Amino acid sequence: SYGGMLTFIPLYARSLGLASVTSLFFVVFALIIIVTR
């Protein structure tokens, strides 16, 4: 499931007009992992 997310999140975000902020998704994703670990 994670691999599917990595592969297509750029395309999915672009289809929603959010391509310029896709990197913020991964920042939040990583921060939550670090804080909750």
ModelCIF file with pLDDT and N, C-alpha, C, O atoms, coordinates in Angstrom:
data_MODEL
#
_entry.id   MODEL 
#
_entity.id                         1 
_entity.type                       polymer 
_entity.pdbx_number_of_molecules   1 
#
_entity_poly.entity_id                      1 
_entity_poly.type                           'polypeptide(L)' 
_entity_poly.nstd_linkage                   no 
_entity_poly.nstd_monomer                   no 
_entity_poly.pdbx_seq_one_letter_code       SYGGMLTFIPLYARSLGLASVTSLFFVVFALIIIVTR 
_entity_poly.pdbx_seq_one_letter_code_can   SYGGMLTFIPLYARSLGLASVTSLFFVVFALIIIVTR 
_entity_poly.pdbx_strand_id                 A 
#
loop_
_entity_poly_seq.entity_id 
_entity_poly_seq.num 
_entity_poly_seq.mon_id 
_entity_poly_seq.hetero 
1 1  SER n 
1 2  TYR n 
1 3  GLY n 
1 4  GLY n 
1 5  MET n 
1 6  LEU n 
1 7  THR n 
1 8  PHE n 
1 9  ILE n 
1 10 PRO n 
1 11 LEU n 
1 12 TYR n 
1 13 ALA n 
1 14 ARG n 
1 15 SER n 
1 16 LEU n 
1 17 GLY n 
1 18 LEU n 
1 19 ALA n 
1 20 SER n 
1 21 VAL n 
1 22 THR n 
1 23 SER n 
1 24 LEU n 
1 25 PHE n 
1 26 PHE n 
1 27 VAL n 
1 28 VAL n 
1 29 PHE n 
1 30 ALA n 
1 31 LEU n 
1 32 ILE n 
1 33 ILE n 
1 34 ILE n 
1 35 VAL n 
1 36 THR n 
1 37 ARG n 
#
_struct_asym.id          A 
_struct_asym.entity_id   1 
#
loop_
_ma_qa_metric.id 
_ma_qa_metric.mode 
_ma_qa_metric.name 
_ma_qa_metric.software_group_id 
_ma_qa_metric.type 
1 global pLDDT . pLDDT 
2 local  pLDDT . pLDDT 
#
_ma_qa_metric_global.metric_id      1 
_ma_qa_metric_global.metric_value   76.84 
_ma_qa_metric_global.model_id       1 
_ma_qa_metric_global.ordinal_id     1 
#
loop_
_ma_qa_metric_local.label_asym_id 
_ma_qa_metric_local.label_comp_id 
_ma_qa_metric_local.label_seq_id 
_ma_qa_metric_local.metric_id 
_ma_qa_metric_local.metric_value 
_ma_qa_metric_local.model_id 
_ma_qa_metric_local.ordinal_id 
A SER 1  2 80.00 1 1  
A TYR 2  2 77.00 1 2  
A GLY 3  2 70.00 1 3  
A GLY 4  2 70.00 1 4  
A MET 5  2 72.00 1 5  
A LEU 6  2 67.00 1 6  
A THR 7  2 60.00 1 7  
A PHE 8  2 67.00 1 8  
A ILE 9  2 70.00 1 9  
A PRO 10 2 64.00 1 10 
A LEU 11 2 64.00 1 11 
A TYR 12 2 73.00 1 12 
A ALA 13 2 74.00 1 13 
A ARG 14 2 72.00 1 14 
A SER 15 2 75.00 1 15 
A LEU 16 2 79.00 1 16 
A GLY 17 2 82.00 1 17 
A LEU 18 2 79.00 1 18 
A ALA 19 2 70.00 1 19 
A SER 20 2 73.00 1 20 
A VAL 21 2 76.00 1 21 
A THR 22 2 73.00 1 22 
A SER 23 2 72.00 1 23 
A LEU 24 2 81.00 1 24 
A PHE 25 2 83.00 1 25 
A PHE 26 2 77.00 1 26 
A VAL 27 2 82.00 1 27 
A VAL 28 2 88.00 1 28 
A PHE 29 2 87.00 1 29 
A ALA 30 2 82.00 1 30 
A LEU 31 2 87.00 1 31 
A ILE 32 2 90.00 1 32 
A ILE 33 2 87.00 1 33 
A ILE 34 2 84.00 1 34 
A VAL 35 2 86.00 1 35 
A THR 36 2 88.00 1 36 
A ARG 37 2 82.00 1 37 
#
loop_
_atom_site.group_PDB 
_atom_site.id 
_atom_site.type_symbol 
_atom_site.label_atom_id 
_atom_site.label_alt_id 
_atom_site.label_comp_id 
_atom_site.label_asym_id 
_atom_site.label_entity_id 
_atom_site.label_seq_id 
_atom_site.pdbx_PDB_ins_code 
_atom_site.Cartn_x 
_atom_site.Cartn_y 
_atom_site.Cartn_z 
_atom_site.occupancy 
_atom_site.B_iso_or_equiv 
_atom_site.pdbx_formal_charge 
_atom_site.auth_seq_id 
_atom_site.auth_comp_id 
_atom_site.auth_asym_id 
_atom_site.auth_atom_id 
_atom_site.pdbx_PDB_model_num 
ATOM 1   N N  . SER A 1 1  ? 0.829  -1.206 0.000   1.00 80.00 ? 1  SER A N  1 
ATOM 2   C CA . SER A 1 1  ? 0.000  0.000  0.000   1.00 80.00 ? 1  SER A CA 1 
ATOM 3   C C  . SER A 1 1  ? 0.862  1.254  0.000   1.00 80.00 ? 1  SER A C  1 
ATOM 4   O O  . SER A 1 1  ? 0.569  2.221  -0.702  1.00 80.00 ? 1  SER A O  1 
ATOM 5   N N  . TYR A 1 2  ? 1.931  1.227  0.798   1.00 77.00 ? 2  TYR A N  1 
ATOM 6   C CA . TYR A 1 2  ? 2.836  2.373  0.871   1.00 77.00 ? 2  TYR A CA 1 
ATOM 7   C C  . TYR A 1 2  ? 3.514  2.621  -0.481  1.00 77.00 ? 2  TYR A C  1 
ATOM 8   O O  . TYR A 1 2  ? 3.682  3.767  -0.897  1.00 77.00 ? 2  TYR A O  1 
ATOM 9   N N  . GLY A 1 3  ? 3.903  1.531  -1.164  1.00 70.00 ? 3  GLY A N  1 
ATOM 10  C CA . GLY A 1 3  ? 4.519  1.661  -2.483  1.00 70.00 ? 3  GLY A CA 1 
ATOM 11  C C  . GLY A 1 3  ? 3.578  2.291  -3.494  1.00 70.00 ? 3  GLY A C  1 
ATOM 12  O O  . GLY A 1 3  ? 3.998  3.087  -4.333  1.00 70.00 ? 3  GLY A O  1 
ATOM 13  N N  . GLY A 1 4  ? 2.286  1.928  -3.411  1.00 70.00 ? 4  GLY A N  1 
ATOM 14  C CA . GLY A 1 4  ? 1.310  2.565  -4.282  1.00 70.00 ? 4  GLY A CA 1 
ATOM 15  C C  . GLY A 1 4  ? 1.207  4.054  -4.019  1.00 70.00 ? 4  GLY A C  1 
ATOM 16  O O  . GLY A 1 4  ? 1.078  4.853  -4.947  1.00 70.00 ? 4  GLY A O  1 
ATOM 17  N N  . MET A 1 5  ? 1.265  4.423  -2.745  1.00 72.00 ? 5  MET A N  1 
ATOM 18  C CA . MET A 1 5  ? 1.209  5.844  -2.380  1.00 72.00 ? 5  MET A CA 1 
ATOM 19  C C  . MET A 1 5  ? 2.423  6.591  -2.931  1.00 72.00 ? 5  MET A C  1 
ATOM 20  O O  . MET A 1 5  ? 2.282  7.670  -3.507  1.00 72.00 ? 5  MET A O  1 
ATOM 21  N N  . LEU A 1 6  ? 3.618  6.017  -2.754  1.00 67.00 ? 6  LEU A N  1 
ATOM 22  C CA . LEU A 1 6  ? 4.832  6.659  -3.243  1.00 67.00 ? 6  LEU A CA 1 
ATOM 23  C C  . LEU A 1 6  ? 4.807  6.834  -4.753  1.00 67.00 ? 6  LEU A C  1 
ATOM 24  O O  . LEU A 1 6  ? 5.242  7.859  -5.278  1.00 67.00 ? 6  LEU A O  1 
ATOM 25  N N  . THR A 1 7  ? 4.289  5.818  -5.449  1.00 60.00 ? 7  THR A N  1 
ATOM 26  C CA . THR A 1 7  ? 4.320  5.829  -6.903  1.00 60.00 ? 7  THR A CA 1 
ATOM 27  C C  . THR A 1 7  ? 3.392  6.875  -7.495  1.00 60.00 ? 7  THR A C  1 
ATOM 28  O O  . THR A 1 7  ? 3.733  7.507  -8.495  1.00 60.00 ? 7  THR A O  1 
ATOM 29  N N  . PHE A 1 8  ? 2.223  7.069  -6.892  1.00 67.00 ? 8  PHE A N  1 
ATOM 30  C CA . PHE A 1 8  ? 1.202  7.873  -7.554  1.00 67.00 ? 8  PHE A CA 1 
ATOM 31  C C  . PHE A 1 8  ? 0.770  9.141  -6.836  1.00 67.00 ? 8  PHE A C  1 
ATOM 32  O O  . PHE A 1 8  ? -0.086 9.870  -7.339  1.00 67.00 ? 8  PHE A O  1 
ATOM 33  N N  . ILE A 1 9  ? 1.338  9.417  -5.682  1.00 70.00 ? 9  ILE A N  1 
ATOM 34  C CA . ILE A 1 9  ? 0.948  10.649 -5.017  1.00 70.00 ? 9  ILE A CA 1 
ATOM 35  C C  . ILE A 1 9  ? 1.284  11.903 -5.832  1.00 70.00 ? 9  ILE A C  1 
ATOM 36  O O  . ILE A 1 9  ? 0.509  12.858 -5.792  1.00 70.00 ? 9  ILE A O  1 
ATOM 37  N N  . PRO A 1 10 ? 2.415  11.948 -6.579  1.00 64.00 ? 10 PRO A N  1 
ATOM 38  C CA . PRO A 1 10 ? 2.646  13.143 -7.400  1.00 64.00 ? 10 PRO A CA 1 
ATOM 39  C C  . PRO A 1 10 ? 1.565  13.353 -8.454  1.00 64.00 ? 10 PRO A C  1 
ATOM 40  O O  . PRO A 1 10 ? 1.113  14.476 -8.676  1.00 64.00 ? 10 PRO A O  1 
ATOM 41  N N  . LEU A 1 11 ? 1.150  12.250 -9.109  1.00 64.00 ? 11 LEU A N  1 
ATOM 42  C CA . LEU A 1 11 ? 0.104  12.350 -10.132 1.00 64.00 ? 11 LEU A CA 1 
ATOM 43  C C  . LEU A 1 11 ? -1.243 12.713 -9.512  1.00 64.00 ? 11 LEU A C  1 
ATOM 44  O O  . LEU A 1 11 ? -1.995 13.526 -10.048 1.00 64.00 ? 11 LEU A O  1 
ATOM 45  N N  . TYR A 1 12 ? -1.525 12.094 -8.377  1.00 73.00 ? 12 TYR A N  1 
ATOM 46  C CA . TYR A 1 12 ? -2.796 12.350 -7.710  1.00 73.00 ? 12 TYR A CA 1 
ATOM 47  C C  . TYR A 1 12 ? -2.879 13.797 -7.225  1.00 73.00 ? 12 TYR A C  1 
ATOM 48  O O  . TYR A 1 12 ? -3.904 14.458 -7.395  1.00 73.00 ? 12 TYR A O  1 
ATOM 49  N N  . ALA A 1 13 ? -1.792 14.283 -6.621  1.00 74.00 ? 13 ALA A N  1 
ATOM 50  C CA . ALA A 1 13 ? -1.774 15.662 -6.135  1.00 74.00 ? 13 ALA A CA 1 
ATOM 51  C C  . ALA A 1 13 ? -1.892 16.651 -7.295  1.00 74.00 ? 13 ALA A C  1 
ATOM 52  O O  . ALA A 1 13 ? -2.553 17.683 -7.177  1.00 74.00 ? 13 ALA A O  1 
ATOM 53  N N  . ARG A 1 14 ? -1.246 16.325 -8.414  1.00 72.00 ? 14 ARG A N  1 
ATOM 54  C CA . ARG A 1 14 ? -1.337 17.210 -9.578  1.00 72.00 ? 14 ARG A CA 1 
ATOM 55  C C  . ARG A 1 14 ? -2.751 17.267 -10.126 1.00 72.00 ? 14 ARG A C  1 
ATOM 56  O O  . ARG A 1 14 ? -3.207 18.324 -10.562 1.00 72.00 ? 14 ARG A O  1 
ATOM 57  N N  . SER A 1 15 ? -3.454 16.127 -10.106 1.00 75.00 ? 15 SER A N  1 
ATOM 58  C CA . SER A 1 15 ? -4.835 16.114 -10.593 1.00 75.00 ? 15 SER A CA 1 
ATOM 59  C C  . SER A 1 15 ? -5.758 16.943 -9.712  1.00 75.00 ? 15 SER A C  1 
ATOM 60  O O  . SER A 1 15 ? -6.834 17.354 -10.147 1.00 75.00 ? 15 SER A O  1 
ATOM 61  N N  . LEU A 1 16 ? -5.338 17.188 -8.469  1.00 79.00 ? 16 LEU A N  1 
ATOM 62  C CA . LEU A 1 16 ? -6.139 17.990 -7.541  1.00 79.00 ? 16 LEU A CA 1 
ATOM 63  C C  . LEU A 1 16 ? -5.651 19.434 -7.459  1.00 79.00 ? 16 LEU A C  1 
ATOM 64  O O  . LEU A 1 16 ? -6.189 20.236 -6.695  1.00 79.00 ? 16 LEU A O  1 
ATOM 65  N N  . GLY A 1 17 ? -4.619 19.763 -8.259  1.00 82.00 ? 17 GLY A N  1 
ATOM 66  C CA . GLY A 1 17 ? -4.069 21.113 -8.224  1.00 82.00 ? 17 GLY A CA 1 
ATOM 67  C C  . GLY A 1 17 ? -3.197 21.367 -7.013  1.00 82.00 ? 17 GLY A C  1 
ATOM 68  O O  . GLY A 1 17 ? -3.033 22.516 -6.605  1.00 82.00 ? 17 GLY A O  1 
ATOM 69  N N  . LEU A 1 18 ? -2.627 20.309 -6.423  1.00 79.00 ? 18 LEU A N  1 
ATOM 70  C CA . LEU A 1 18 ? -1.811 20.446 -5.210  1.00 79.00 ? 18 LEU A CA 1 
ATOM 71  C C  . LEU A 1 18 ? -0.360 20.017 -5.441  1.00 79.00 ? 18 LEU A C  1 
ATOM 72  O O  . LEU A 1 18 ? 0.356  19.716 -4.487  1.00 79.00 ? 18 LEU A O  1 
ATOM 73  N N  . ALA A 1 19 ? 0.074  19.989 -6.700  1.00 70.00 ? 19 ALA A N  1 
ATOM 74  C CA . ALA A 1 19 ? 1.409  19.495 -7.028  1.00 70.00 ? 19 ALA A CA 1 
ATOM 75  C C  . ALA A 1 19 ? 2.505  20.286 -6.330  1.00 70.00 ? 19 ALA A C  1 
ATOM 76  O O  . ALA A 1 19 ? 3.525  19.715 -5.943  1.00 70.00 ? 19 ALA A O  1 
ATOM 77  N N  . SER A 1 20 ? 2.311  21.595 -6.162  1.00 73.00 ? 20 SER A N  1 
ATOM 78  C CA . SER A 1 20 ? 3.363  22.445 -5.599  1.00 73.00 ? 20 SER A CA 1 
ATOM 79  C C  . SER A 1 20 ? 3.585  22.213 -4.108  1.00 73.00 ? 20 SER A C  1 
ATOM 80  O O  . SER A 1 20 ? 4.603  22.644 -3.566  1.00 73.00 ? 20 SER A O  1 
ATOM 81  N N  . VAL A 1 21 ? 2.657  21.545 -3.440  1.00 76.00 ? 21 VAL A N  1 
ATOM 82  C CA . VAL A 1 21 ? 2.782  21.337 -1.989  1.00 76.00 ? 21 VAL A CA 1 
ATOM 83  C C  . VAL A 1 21 ? 2.873  19.853 -1.632  1.00 76.00 ? 21 VAL A C  1 
ATOM 84  O O  . VAL A 1 21 ? 2.693  19.478 -0.473  1.00 76.00 ? 21 VAL A O  1 
ATOM 85  N N  . THR A 1 22 ? 3.152  19.016 -2.621  1.00 73.00 ? 22 THR A N  1 
ATOM 86  C CA . THR A 1 22 ? 3.244  17.576 -2.358  1.00 73.00 ? 22 THR A CA 1 
ATOM 87  C C  . THR A 1 22 ? 4.314  17.256 -1.321  1.00 73.00 ? 22 THR A C  1 
ATOM 88  O O  . THR A 1 22 ? 4.138  16.353 -0.503  1.00 73.00 ? 22 THR A O  1 
ATOM 89  N N  . SER A 1 23 ? 5.424  17.995 -1.350  1.00 72.00 ? 23 SER A N  1 
ATOM 90  C CA . SER A 1 23 ? 6.518  17.729 -0.402  1.00 72.00 ? 23 SER A CA 1 
ATOM 91  C C  . SER A 1 23 ? 6.074  17.900 1.044   1.00 72.00 ? 23 SER A C  1 
ATOM 92  O O  . SER A 1 23 ? 6.601  17.234 1.936   1.00 72.00 ? 23 SER A O  1 
ATOM 93  N N  . LEU A 1 24 ? 5.098  18.797 1.287   1.00 81.00 ? 24 LEU A N  1 
ATOM 94  C CA . LEU A 1 24 ? 4.605  18.999 2.649   1.00 81.00 ? 24 LEU A CA 1 
ATOM 95  C C  . LEU A 1 24 ? 3.940  17.736 3.192   1.00 81.00 ? 24 LEU A C  1 
ATOM 96  O O  . LEU A 1 24 ? 3.978  17.471 4.393   1.00 81.00 ? 24 LEU A O  1 
ATOM 97  N N  . PHE A 1 25 ? 3.337  16.971 2.302   1.00 83.00 ? 25 PHE A N  1 
ATOM 98  C CA . PHE A 1 25 ? 2.720  15.708 2.710   1.00 83.00 ? 25 PHE A CA 1 
ATOM 99  C C  . PHE A 1 25 ? 3.756  14.805 3.362   1.00 83.00 ? 25 PHE A C  1 
ATOM 100 O O  . PHE A 1 25 ? 3.505  14.238 4.425   1.00 83.00 ? 25 PHE A O  1 
ATOM 101 N N  . PHE A 1 26 ? 4.930  14.668 2.725   1.00 77.00 ? 26 PHE A N  1 
ATOM 102 C CA . PHE A 1 26 ? 5.969  13.784 3.244   1.00 77.00 ? 26 PHE A CA 1 
ATOM 103 C C  . PHE A 1 26 ? 6.621  14.344 4.500   1.00 77.00 ? 26 PHE A C  1 
ATOM 104 O O  . PHE A 1 26 ? 7.066  13.585 5.361   1.00 77.00 ? 26 PHE A O  1 
ATOM 105 N N  . VAL A 1 27 ? 6.681  15.663 4.610   1.00 82.00 ? 27 VAL A N  1 
ATOM 106 C CA . VAL A 1 27 ? 7.207  16.278 5.832   1.00 82.00 ? 27 VAL A CA 1 
ATOM 107 C C  . VAL A 1 27 ? 6.326  15.922 7.023   1.00 82.00 ? 27 VAL A C  1 
ATOM 108 O O  . VAL A 1 27 ? 6.825  15.504 8.068   1.00 82.00 ? 27 VAL A O  1 
ATOM 109 N N  . VAL A 1 28 ? 5.006  16.090 6.862   1.00 88.00 ? 28 VAL A N  1 
ATOM 110 C CA . VAL A 1 28 ? 4.066  15.755 7.932   1.00 88.00 ? 28 VAL A CA 1 
ATOM 111 C C  . VAL A 1 28 ? 4.094  14.261 8.219   1.00 88.00 ? 28 VAL A C  1 
ATOM 112 O O  . VAL A 1 28 ? 4.090  13.843 9.377   1.00 88.00 ? 28 VAL A O  1 
ATOM 113 N N  . PHE A 1 29 ? 4.124  13.459 7.160   1.00 87.00 ? 29 PHE A N  1 
ATOM 114 C CA . PHE A 1 29 ? 4.182  11.999 7.271   1.00 87.00 ? 29 PHE A CA 1 
ATOM 115 C C  . PHE A 1 29 ? 5.375  11.584 8.140   1.00 87.00 ? 29 PHE A C  1 
ATOM 116 O O  . PHE A 1 29 ? 5.231  10.771 9.053   1.00 87.00 ? 29 PHE A O  1 
ATOM 117 N N  . ALA A 1 30 ? 6.557  12.148 7.848   1.00 82.00 ? 30 ALA A N  1 
ATOM 118 C CA . ALA A 1 30 ? 7.769  11.789 8.589   1.00 82.00 ? 30 ALA A CA 1 
ATOM 119 C C  . ALA A 1 30 ? 7.743  12.321 10.015  1.00 82.00 ? 30 ALA A C  1 
ATOM 120 O O  . ALA A 1 30 ? 8.160  11.627 10.942  1.00 82.00 ? 30 ALA A O  1 
ATOM 121 N N  . LEU A 1 31 ? 7.257  13.548 10.199  1.00 87.00 ? 31 LEU A N  1 
ATOM 122 C CA . LEU A 1 31 ? 7.221  14.135 11.536  1.00 87.00 ? 31 LEU A CA 1 
ATOM 123 C C  . LEU A 1 31 ? 6.337  13.333 12.484  1.00 87.00 ? 31 LEU A C  1 
ATOM 124 O O  . LEU A 1 31 ? 6.689  13.137 13.647  1.00 87.00 ? 31 LEU A O  1 
ATOM 125 N N  . ILE A 1 32 ? 5.201  12.873 11.995  1.00 90.00 ? 32 ILE A N  1 
ATOM 126 C CA . ILE A 1 32 ? 4.300  12.076 12.833  1.00 90.00 ? 32 ILE A CA 1 
ATOM 127 C C  . ILE A 1 32 ? 4.975  10.769 13.243  1.00 90.00 ? 32 ILE A C  1 
ATOM 128 O O  . ILE A 1 32 ? 4.850  10.337 14.389  1.00 90.00 ? 32 ILE A O  1 
ATOM 129 N N  . ILE A 1 33 ? 5.687  10.142 12.315  1.00 87.00 ? 33 ILE A N  1 
ATOM 130 C CA . ILE A 1 33 ? 6.408  8.907  12.637  1.00 87.00 ? 33 ILE A CA 1 
ATOM 131 C C  . ILE A 1 33 ? 7.434  9.157  13.740  1.00 87.00 ? 33 ILE A C  1 
ATOM 132 O O  . ILE A 1 33 ? 7.543  8.379  14.688  1.00 87.00 ? 33 ILE A O  1 
ATOM 133 N N  . ILE A 1 34 ? 8.185  10.252 13.605  1.00 84.00 ? 34 ILE A N  1 
ATOM 134 C CA . ILE A 1 34 ? 9.233  10.572 14.580  1.00 84.00 ? 34 ILE A CA 1 
ATOM 135 C C  . ILE A 1 34 ? 8.641  10.868 15.958  1.00 84.00 ? 34 ILE A C  1 
ATOM 136 O O  . ILE A 1 34 ? 9.145  10.386 16.973  1.00 84.00 ? 34 ILE A O  1 
ATOM 137 N N  . VAL A 1 35 ? 7.580  11.655 15.986  1.00 86.00 ? 35 VAL A N  1 
ATOM 138 C CA . VAL A 1 35 ? 6.987  12.079 17.261  1.00 86.00 ? 35 VAL A CA 1 
ATOM 139 C C  . VAL A 1 35 ? 6.342  10.909 17.997  1.00 86.00 ? 35 VAL A C  1 
ATOM 140 O O  . VAL A 1 35 ? 6.431  10.822 19.222  1.00 86.00 ? 35 VAL A O  1 
ATOM 141 N N  . THR A 1 36 ? 5.695  10.010 17.261  1.00 88.00 ? 36 THR A N  1 
ATOM 142 C CA . THR A 1 36 ? 4.954  8.919  17.904  1.00 88.00 ? 36 THR A CA 1 
ATOM 143 C C  . THR A 1 36 ? 5.797  7.676  18.162  1.00 88.00 ? 36 THR A C  1 
ATOM 144 O O  . THR A 1 36 ? 5.361  6.791  18.899  1.00 88.00 ? 36 THR A O  1 
ATOM 145 N N  . ARG A 1 37 ? 6.990  7.581  17.579  1.00 82.00 ? 37 ARG A N  1 
ATOM 146 C CA . ARG A 1 37 ? 7.782  6.359  17.689  1.00 82.00 ? 37 ARG A CA 1 
ATOM 147 C C  . ARG A 1 37 ? 8.100  5.954  19.130  1.00 82.00 ? 37 ARG A C  1 
ATOM 148 O O  . ARG A 1 37 ? 8.762  4.940  19.354  1.00 82.00 ? 37 ARG A O  1 
#
